[in-house]
Amino acid sequence: MGVAMSIVMIAVGAILRFAVSVTTPGFNLHSIGLILIILGALSLVLSIVFWSTWGGFGGGAGRGGYRR
């Protein structure tokens, strides 16, 4: 899951948590919104961590060349 999908999950969760005022008998929309916000934030942090550790294409071949 990427950064964009994480932001979409946070936005949908915030809409369900703060903007929807419908009560349903089977499940609570506010709880689902809170779960989406938490999962979106967690996946956003993980995406940022993995992007910062990724070396890019080439795997560092341009850094000093090949040593024997």
C-alpha atoms as a PDB file:
ATOM      1  CA  MET A   1       0.000   0.000   0.000  1.00  0.00           C
ATOM      2  CA  GLY A   2       1.427   3.345  -0.936  1.00  0.00           C
ATOM      3  CA  VAL A   3       1.373   6.828   0.440  1.00  0.00           C
ATOM      4  CA  ALA A   4      -1.621   7.868  -1.659  1.00  0.00           C
ATOM      5  CA  MET A   5      -3.758   4.949  -0.502  1.00  0.00           C
ATOM      6  CA  SER A   6      -2.823   5.668   3.108  1.00  0.00           C
ATOM      7  CA  ILE A   7      -3.955   9.274   2.759  1.00  0.00           C
ATOM      8  CA  VAL A   8      -7.217   8.125   1.144  1.00  0.00           C
ATOM      9  CA  MET A   9      -7.818   5.731   4.064  1.00  0.00           C
ATOM     10  CA  ILE A  10      -7.196   8.527   6.566  1.00  0.00           C
ATOM     11  CA  ALA A  11      -9.561  10.857   4.675  1.00  0.00           C
ATOM     12  CA  VAL A  12     -12.358   8.283   4.420  1.00  0.00           C
ATOM     13  CA  GLY A  13     -11.899   7.393   8.078  1.00  0.00           C
ATOM     14  CA  ALA A  14     -12.087  11.043   9.089  1.00  0.00           C
ATOM     15  CA  ILE A  15     -15.268  11.496   7.072  1.00  0.00           C
ATOM     16  CA  LEU A  16     -16.853   8.462   8.723  1.00  0.00           C
ATOM     17  CA  ARG A  17     -15.661   9.505  12.172  1.00  0.00           C
ATOM     18  CA  PHE A  18     -16.464  13.218  12.178  1.00  0.00           C
ATOM     19  CA  ALA A  19     -18.911  14.037   9.357  1.00  0.00           C
ATOM     20  CA  VAL A  20     -21.396  11.157   9.284  1.00  0.00           C
ATOM     21  CA  SER A  21     -24.228  11.310  11.795  1.00  0.00           C
ATOM     22  CA  VAL A  22     -26.136   8.147  10.843  1.00  0.00           C
ATOM     23  CA  THR A  23     -26.809   5.455  13.419  1.00  0.00           C
ATOM     24  CA  THR A  24     -26.905   1.878  12.222  1.00  0.00           C
ATOM     25  CA  PRO A  25     -28.155  -1.082  14.245  1.00  0.00           C
ATOM     26  CA  GLY A  26     -25.520  -3.622  13.171  1.00  0.00           C
ATOM     27  CA  PHE A  27     -22.251  -1.692  13.446  1.00  0.00           C
ATOM     28  CA  ASN A  28     -20.884   1.676  14.478  1.00  0.00           C
ATOM     29  CA  LEU A  29     -19.664   3.887  11.621  1.00  0.00           C
ATOM     30  CA  HIS A  30     -17.626   6.047  14.006  1.00  0.00           C
ATOM     31  CA  SER A  31     -15.636   3.019  15.151  1.00  0.00           C
ATOM     32  CA  ILE A  32     -14.978   1.982  11.549  1.00  0.00           C
ATOM     33  CA  GLY A  33     -13.809   5.532  10.822  1.00  0.00           C
ATOM     34  CA  LEU A  34     -11.412   5.433  13.764  1.00  0.00           C
ATOM     35  CA  ILE A  35     -10.053   2.059  12.645  1.00  0.00           C
ATOM     36  CA  LEU A  36      -9.482   3.420   9.127  1.00  0.00           C
ATOM     37  CA  ILE A  37      -7.665   6.471  10.512  1.00  0.00           C
ATOM     38  CA  ILE A  38      -5.375   4.296  12.646  1.00  0.00           C
ATOM     39  CA  LEU A  39      -4.648   1.812   9.841  1.00  0.00           C
ATOM     40  CA  GLY A  40      -4.059   4.617   7.344  1.00  0.00           C
ATOM     41  CA  ALA A  41      -1.634   6.373   9.688  1.00  0.00           C
ATOM     42  CA  LEU A  42       0.220   3.120  10.391  1.00  0.00           C
ATOM     43  CA  SER A  43       0.524   2.284   6.699  1.00  0.00           C
ATOM     44  CA  LEU A  44       1.652   5.849   5.961  1.00  0.00           C
ATOM     45  CA  VAL A  45       4.450   5.575   8.514  1.00  0.00           C
ATOM     46  CA  LEU A  46       5.488   2.165   7.172  1.00  0.00           C
ATOM     47  CA  SER A  47       5.456   3.457   3.587  1.00  0.00           C
ATOM     48  CA  ILE A  48       7.666   6.393   4.527  1.00  0.00           C
ATOM     49  CA  VAL A  49      10.091   4.121   6.404  1.00  0.00           C
ATOM     50  CA  PHE A  50      10.349   1.681   3.491  1.00  0.00           C
ATOM     51  CA  TRP A  51      10.780   4.490   0.944  1.00  0.00           C
ATOM     52  CA  SER A  52      13.583   6.031   2.990  1.00  0.00           C
ATOM     53  CA  THR A  53      15.463   2.717   3.239  1.00  0.00           C
ATOM     54  CA  TRP A  54      15.053   1.828  -0.418  1.00  0.00           C
ATOM     55  CA  GLY A  55      18.275   2.349  -2.355  1.00  0.00           C
ATOM     56  CA  GLY A  56      16.692   2.993  -5.728  1.00  0.00           C
ATOM     57  CA  PHE A  57      17.588   1.385  -9.025  1.00  0.00           C
ATOM     58  CA  GLY A  58      21.105   0.006  -9.354  1.00  0.00           C
ATOM     59  CA  GLY A  59      21.568  -0.915  -5.697  1.00  0.00           C
ATOM     60  CA  GLY A  60      24.408   1.542  -5.081  1.00  0.00           C
ATOM     61  CA  ALA A  61      26.533   0.643  -8.122  1.00  0.00           C
ATOM     62  CA  GLY A  62      27.337   4.306  -8.660  1.00  0.00           C
ATOM     63  CA  ARG A  63      28.877   4.736  -5.217  1.00  0.00           C
ATOM     64  CA  GLY A  64      32.557   4.036  -5.565  1.00  0.00           C
ATOM     65  CA  GLY A  65      32.370   1.267  -8.114  1.00  0.00           C
ATOM     66  CA  TYR A  66      33.408  -2.357  -7.720  1.00  0.00           C
ATOM     67  CA  ARG A  67      36.157  -3.289  -5.258  1.00  0.00           C
ATOM     68  CA  ARG A  68      38.115  -6.532  -5.077  1.00  0.00           C
END
